[in-house]
Amino acid sequence: MNQQLQAIAIQKESLELQKSEIQRALEELEKSGEEVYKAVGPILVRSTPEKLKNELTEKLDGINLRIKALQKQEERIKTSLSGLQTRLQKIMGGGE
C-alpha cells in the first residue's frame, strides 16, 4: 500500500506540472494575436486562438478529473493503512 501511495504521489506531481504548463500556455494565449502555432510532434501548425484555447481547456479539465480521482484513491489507501495499523496495534497489544 505504501508503494501505491508513492506511485499516486508521483502521478499527481506529474499531472500538477502538466496543469501548470497548460495554465501558463492559456495565459500566454490571451496575450497573443490572431495567429498562433501549436507543436504537433516535431513541427509547428498554425491554429486559431479560440481553437487552441478550447483544446487546452479540455486537456486541463481532463487533468483536473484525473487529479481528483487520484486524490480519492489516495484517501482510500490512507484509510485502509490506518485501519491496518489500528488492528496491528490491537494484535500486538493483546499478544503481550
Protein backbone atom coordinates (compact mmCIF):
# COMPACT_ATOMS: atom_id res chain seq x y z
CA MET A 1 0.00 0.00 0.00
CA ASN A 2 2.90 2.34 0.69
CA GLN A 3 4.16 1.68 -2.82
CA GLN A 4 0.72 2.51 -4.18
CA LEU A 5 0.75 5.78 -2.23
CA GLN A 6 4.17 6.64 -3.66
CA ALA A 7 3.01 5.84 -7.19
CA ILE A 8 -0.07 8.02 -6.73
CA ALA A 9 2.07 10.87 -5.40
CA ILE A 10 4.33 10.65 -8.45
CA GLN A 11 1.34 10.62 -10.82
CA LYS A 12 -0.24 13.59 -9.04
CA GLU A 13 3.02 15.54 -9.20
CA SER A 14 3.31 14.87 -12.94
CA LEU A 15 -0.29 15.95 -13.51
CA GLU A 16 0.20 19.10 -11.43
CA LEU A 17 3.20 20.02 -13.60
CA GLN A 18 1.15 19.46 -16.77
CA LYS A 19 -1.65 21.53 -15.27
CA SER A 20 0.64 24.48 -14.52
CA GLU A 21 2.13 24.30 -18.04
CA ILE A 22 -1.33 24.39 -19.59
CA GLN A 23 -2.36 27.29 -17.36
CA ARG A 24 0.75 29.24 -18.42
CA ALA A 25 0.00 28.44 -22.06
CA LEU A 26 -3.57 29.71 -21.64
CA GLU A 27 -2.25 32.93 -20.07
CA GLU A 28 0.13 33.46 -22.98
CA LEU A 29 -2.62 32.65 -25.43
CA GLU A 30 -4.67 35.52 -24.01
CA LYS A 31 -1.78 37.88 -24.84
CA SER A 32 -1.27 36.54 -28.36
CA GLY A 33 -2.52 38.00 -31.59
CA GLU A 34 -4.79 36.40 -34.14
CA GLU A 35 -2.28 33.84 -35.38
CA VAL A 36 -0.83 31.18 -33.09
CA TYR A 37 1.06 27.94 -33.59
CA LYS A 38 0.97 24.68 -31.70
CA ALA A 39 3.55 21.93 -31.62
CA VAL A 40 2.48 18.68 -33.24
CA GLY A 41 5.38 16.33 -32.89
CA PRO A 42 8.47 17.98 -34.36
CA ILE A 43 6.56 20.61 -36.37
CA LEU A 44 4.52 23.73 -35.65
CA VAL A 45 0.99 24.01 -37.03
CA ARG A 46 -0.95 27.25 -37.39
CA SER A 47 -4.15 27.44 -35.37
CA THR A 48 -6.65 29.99 -34.17
CA PRO A 49 -6.51 31.22 -30.57
CA GLU A 50 -10.08 30.05 -29.96
CA LYS A 51 -9.42 26.53 -31.21
CA LEU A 52 -6.20 26.24 -29.25
CA LYS A 53 -7.86 27.65 -26.13
CA ASN A 54 -10.63 25.04 -26.41
CA GLU A 55 -8.09 22.23 -26.81
CA LEU A 56 -6.08 23.39 -23.82
CA THR A 57 -9.17 23.87 -21.68
CA GLU A 58 -10.39 20.35 -22.49
CA LYS A 59 -6.97 18.96 -21.63
CA LEU A 60 -6.96 20.92 -18.37
CA ASP A 61 -10.41 19.59 -17.47
CA GLY A 62 -9.21 16.03 -18.08
CA ILE A 63 -6.16 16.56 -15.91
CA ASN A 64 -8.30 18.00 -13.10
CA LEU A 65 -10.55 14.93 -13.23
CA ARG A 66 -7.56 12.60 -13.07
CA ILE A 67 -6.12 14.53 -10.11
CA LYS A 68 -9.44 14.25 -8.23
CA ALA A 69 -9.59 10.51 -8.93
CA LEU A 70 -6.04 10.07 -7.64
CA GLN A 71 -6.87 12.08 -4.52
CA LYS A 72 -9.85 9.82 -3.80
CA GLN A 73 -7.72 6.73 -4.36
CA GLU A 74 -5.04 8.16 -2.07
CA GLU A 75 -7.60 8.79 0.68
CA ARG A 76 -8.95 5.23 0.41
CA ILE A 77 -5.46 3.79 0.74
CA LYS A 78 -4.63 6.03 3.70
CA THR A 79 -7.85 4.96 5.41
CA SER A 80 -7.01 1.30 4.79
CA LEU A 81 -3.50 1.79 6.12
CA SER A 82 -4.83 3.49 9.22
CA GLY A 83 -7.25 0.61 9.82
CA LEU A 84 -4.48 -1.93 9.38
CA GLN A 85 -2.25 -0.03 11.78
CA THR A 86 -5.01 0.03 14.40
CA ARG A 87 -5.61 -3.71 14.01
CA LEU A 88 -1.90 -4.44 14.27
CA GLN A 89 -1.64 -2.36 17.42
CA LYS A 90 -4.54 -4.30 18.95
CA ILE A 91 -2.95 -7.60 17.98
CA MET A 92 0.45 -6.58 19.30
CA GLY A 93 -1.09 -5.20 22.50
CA GLY A 94 -3.28 -8.27 23.02
CA GLY A 95 -0.43 -10.70 22.50
CA GLU A 96 1.59 -9.50 25.48
